[in-house]
N, C-alpha and C. Protein backbone atom coordinates (compact mmCIF):
# COMPACT_ATOMS: atom_id res chain seq x y z
N MET A 1 0.85 -1.18 0.00
CA MET A 1 0.00 0.00 0.00
C MET A 1 0.89 1.24 0.00
N SER A 2 0.52 2.20 -0.82
CA SER A 2 1.28 3.43 -0.90
C SER A 2 0.33 4.62 -0.99
N ILE A 3 0.46 5.54 -0.06
CA ILE A 3 -0.33 6.77 -0.06
C ILE A 3 0.66 7.91 -0.30
N ASP A 4 0.29 8.85 -1.16
CA ASP A 4 1.21 9.94 -1.50
C ASP A 4 1.49 10.87 -0.31
N PHE A 5 0.44 11.26 0.41
CA PHE A 5 0.62 12.17 1.55
C PHE A 5 -0.31 11.77 2.69
N ILE A 6 0.23 11.78 3.89
CA ILE A 6 -0.59 11.61 5.10
C ILE A 6 -0.27 12.80 5.98
N ALA A 7 -1.31 13.54 6.35
CA ALA A 7 -1.11 14.79 7.08
C ALA A 7 -1.69 14.71 8.49
N ASN A 8 -0.99 15.34 9.41
CA ASN A 8 -1.48 15.53 10.79
C ASN A 8 -1.98 14.24 11.43
N ASP A 9 -1.12 13.24 11.48
CA ASP A 9 -1.46 11.98 12.15
C ASP A 9 -2.76 11.38 11.61
N CYS A 10 -2.84 11.27 10.31
CA CYS A 10 -3.98 10.68 9.59
C CYS A 10 -5.24 11.54 9.59
N GLN A 11 -5.10 12.83 9.83
CA GLN A 11 -6.25 13.72 9.69
C GLN A 11 -6.70 13.74 8.23
N ALA A 12 -5.74 13.59 7.32
CA ALA A 12 -6.05 13.53 5.89
C ALA A 12 -5.04 12.62 5.20
N ALA A 13 -5.55 11.80 4.28
CA ALA A 13 -4.70 10.96 3.43
C ALA A 13 -5.00 11.37 2.00
N ILE A 14 -3.94 11.65 1.24
CA ILE A 14 -4.11 12.23 -0.09
C ILE A 14 -3.36 11.41 -1.12
N GLU A 15 -4.07 11.04 -2.17
CA GLU A 15 -3.48 10.37 -3.33
C GLU A 15 -3.54 11.35 -4.49
N VAL A 16 -2.51 11.38 -5.31
CA VAL A 16 -2.48 12.24 -6.49
C VAL A 16 -2.44 11.35 -7.72
N LYS A 17 -3.38 11.56 -8.62
CA LYS A 17 -3.47 10.78 -9.86
C LYS A 17 -3.50 11.73 -11.05
N GLY A 18 -2.59 11.54 -11.98
CA GLY A 18 -2.53 12.39 -13.17
C GLY A 18 -3.40 11.85 -14.28
N LYS A 19 -4.67 11.65 -13.99
CA LYS A 19 -5.58 11.09 -14.99
C LYS A 19 -6.93 11.77 -14.93
N LYS A 20 -7.68 11.65 -16.02
CA LYS A 20 -8.98 12.32 -16.12
C LYS A 20 -10.12 11.52 -15.52
N HIS A 21 -9.90 10.24 -15.25
CA HIS A 21 -10.94 9.43 -14.59
C HIS A 21 -10.29 8.55 -13.53
N VAL A 22 -10.74 8.69 -12.31
CA VAL A 22 -10.26 7.89 -11.19
C VAL A 22 -11.21 6.71 -11.03
N GLY A 23 -10.67 5.50 -11.09
CA GLY A 23 -11.48 4.29 -10.97
C GLY A 23 -11.26 3.59 -9.64
N ASN A 24 -11.97 2.50 -9.45
CA ASN A 24 -11.89 1.74 -8.20
C ASN A 24 -10.47 1.29 -7.87
N GLU A 25 -9.72 0.88 -8.86
CA GLU A 25 -8.34 0.43 -8.62
C GLU A 25 -7.49 1.55 -8.02
N ASP A 26 -7.78 2.79 -8.41
CA ASP A 26 -7.03 3.94 -7.90
C ASP A 26 -7.35 4.24 -6.43
N LEU A 27 -8.43 3.69 -5.93
CA LEU A 27 -8.88 3.97 -4.56
C LEU A 27 -8.47 2.90 -3.56
N ARG A 28 -7.87 1.84 -4.05
CA ARG A 28 -7.57 0.69 -3.19
C ARG A 28 -6.71 1.05 -1.97
N ALA A 29 -5.66 1.81 -2.16
CA ALA A 29 -4.77 2.14 -1.04
C ALA A 29 -5.49 2.96 0.03
N LEU A 30 -6.33 3.89 -0.39
CA LEU A 30 -7.08 4.70 0.59
C LEU A 30 -8.09 3.84 1.34
N ARG A 31 -8.68 2.89 0.67
CA ARG A 31 -9.62 1.98 1.34
C ARG A 31 -8.90 1.08 2.33
N GLU A 32 -7.74 0.56 1.94
CA GLU A 32 -6.94 -0.28 2.84
C GLU A 32 -6.49 0.52 4.06
N LEU A 33 -6.11 1.76 3.84
CA LEU A 33 -5.66 2.60 4.96
C LEU A 33 -6.77 2.76 6.00
N LYS A 34 -8.00 2.97 5.55
CA LYS A 34 -9.12 3.15 6.48
C LYS A 34 -9.35 1.90 7.32
N VAL A 35 -9.11 0.73 6.74
CA VAL A 35 -9.25 -0.52 7.49
C VAL A 35 -8.13 -0.64 8.53
N GLU A 36 -6.91 -0.32 8.11
CA GLU A 36 -5.75 -0.44 9.00
C GLU A 36 -5.68 0.69 10.03
N GLN A 37 -6.15 1.86 9.65
CA GLN A 37 -6.11 3.04 10.53
C GLN A 37 -7.51 3.67 10.57
N PRO A 38 -8.43 3.11 11.34
CA PRO A 38 -9.81 3.60 11.33
C PRO A 38 -9.96 5.07 11.71
N GLN A 39 -8.97 5.62 12.39
CA GLN A 39 -9.04 7.03 12.78
C GLN A 39 -8.76 7.98 11.62
N THR A 40 -8.42 7.43 10.45
CA THR A 40 -8.13 8.28 9.29
C THR A 40 -9.30 9.20 9.01
N GLY A 41 -9.00 10.47 8.85
CA GLY A 41 -10.04 11.46 8.59
C GLY A 41 -10.37 11.52 7.11
N HIS A 42 -10.11 12.64 6.50
CA HIS A 42 -10.42 12.83 5.09
C HIS A 42 -9.55 11.94 4.22
N ARG A 43 -10.18 11.30 3.25
CA ARG A 43 -9.45 10.55 2.22
C ARG A 43 -9.74 11.26 0.91
N ILE A 44 -8.68 11.74 0.27
CA ILE A 44 -8.83 12.62 -0.88
C ILE A 44 -7.98 12.11 -2.04
N VAL A 45 -8.56 12.14 -3.24
CA VAL A 45 -7.81 11.87 -4.46
C VAL A 45 -7.81 13.17 -5.27
N VAL A 46 -6.63 13.65 -5.59
CA VAL A 46 -6.47 14.84 -6.42
C VAL A 46 -6.19 14.34 -7.84
N SER A 47 -6.96 14.86 -8.80
CA SER A 47 -6.83 14.32 -10.15
C SER A 47 -7.10 15.39 -11.21
N MET A 48 -7.15 14.93 -12.44
CA MET A 48 -7.46 15.80 -13.58
C MET A 48 -8.96 15.74 -13.92
N GLU A 49 -9.76 15.11 -13.06
CA GLU A 49 -11.20 15.06 -13.31
C GLU A 49 -11.75 16.48 -13.33
N THR A 50 -12.88 16.66 -13.98
CA THR A 50 -13.44 18.01 -14.13
C THR A 50 -14.45 18.36 -13.04
N ARG A 51 -14.96 17.35 -12.33
CA ARG A 51 -15.95 17.61 -11.27
C ARG A 51 -15.56 16.88 -9.99
N SER A 52 -15.92 17.47 -8.88
CA SER A 52 -15.73 16.82 -7.58
C SER A 52 -16.79 15.74 -7.42
N ARG A 53 -16.42 14.67 -6.75
CA ARG A 53 -17.41 13.64 -6.43
C ARG A 53 -16.99 12.91 -5.17
N LEU A 54 -17.96 12.28 -4.54
CA LEU A 54 -17.75 11.55 -3.30
C LEU A 54 -18.16 10.10 -3.53
N THR A 55 -17.28 9.16 -3.19
CA THR A 55 -17.63 7.75 -3.35
C THR A 55 -18.57 7.32 -2.23
N ASP A 56 -19.18 6.17 -2.40
CA ASP A 56 -20.11 5.65 -1.40
C ASP A 56 -19.46 5.45 -0.03
N ASP A 57 -18.15 5.19 -0.04
CA ASP A 57 -17.46 4.98 1.24
C ASP A 57 -16.68 6.21 1.70
N GLY A 58 -17.00 7.37 1.15
CA GLY A 58 -16.48 8.62 1.70
C GLY A 58 -15.17 9.15 1.16
N ILE A 59 -14.70 8.63 0.04
CA ILE A 59 -13.47 9.17 -0.56
C ILE A 59 -13.84 10.33 -1.46
N LEU A 60 -13.20 11.46 -1.24
CA LEU A 60 -13.47 12.66 -2.01
C LEU A 60 -12.51 12.72 -3.20
N ILE A 61 -13.06 12.76 -4.40
CA ILE A 61 -12.26 12.85 -5.62
C ILE A 61 -12.41 14.28 -6.13
N LEU A 62 -11.28 14.97 -6.24
CA LEU A 62 -11.30 16.39 -6.56
C LEU A 62 -10.46 16.73 -7.78
N PRO A 63 -10.93 17.68 -8.59
CA PRO A 63 -10.04 18.28 -9.57
C PRO A 63 -8.93 19.02 -8.82
N TYR A 64 -7.76 19.08 -9.40
CA TYR A 64 -6.63 19.69 -8.68
C TYR A 64 -6.90 21.13 -8.28
N ILE A 65 -7.65 21.87 -9.09
CA ILE A 65 -7.96 23.27 -8.76
C ILE A 65 -8.80 23.35 -7.48
N ASP A 66 -9.80 22.48 -7.36
CA ASP A 66 -10.63 22.46 -6.15
C ASP A 66 -9.80 22.09 -4.92
N PHE A 67 -8.86 21.17 -5.11
CA PHE A 67 -7.99 20.78 -4.00
C PHE A 67 -7.15 21.96 -3.54
N ILE A 68 -6.56 22.67 -4.47
CA ILE A 68 -5.72 23.83 -4.12
C ILE A 68 -6.55 24.88 -3.38
N GLN A 69 -7.76 25.13 -3.86
CA GLN A 69 -8.62 26.10 -3.19
C GLN A 69 -8.95 25.63 -1.77
N GLY A 70 -9.20 24.34 -1.60
CA GLY A 70 -9.47 23.79 -0.27
C GLY A 70 -8.28 23.91 0.66
N LEU A 71 -7.08 23.73 0.12
CA LEU A 71 -5.88 23.89 0.94
C LEU A 71 -5.76 25.32 1.45
N TRP A 72 -5.95 26.28 0.56
CA TRP A 72 -5.81 27.68 0.96
C TRP A 72 -6.87 28.10 1.96
N SER A 73 -8.04 27.50 1.87
CA SER A 73 -9.11 27.86 2.81
C SER A 73 -9.07 27.00 4.07
N LYS A 74 -8.06 26.13 4.16
CA LYS A 74 -7.87 25.24 5.32
C LYS A 74 -9.08 24.35 5.57
N GLU A 75 -9.67 23.87 4.49
CA GLU A 75 -10.86 23.05 4.56
C GLU A 75 -10.61 21.68 5.20
N TRP A 76 -9.43 21.13 5.01
CA TRP A 76 -9.16 19.77 5.50
C TRP A 76 -8.17 19.72 6.65
N PHE A 77 -7.52 20.82 6.98
CA PHE A 77 -6.51 20.79 8.05
C PHE A 77 -6.78 21.90 9.04
């Protein structure tokens, strides 16, 4: 399992994908992390997708622009 960024003692786990569509295979590491570390807060995938979406199990998939705006507004930290 490999997660690109883990912030503030699992307050947020962030995966970065340079693709226009994030599929189930891309979410595997974040799902495994939640099982191993149930205290994990936000699970976020930053991608080239054009719209934000939330998976059934709570993973937030964001266009990179939305992610940057969320960082500046301290939405996740």
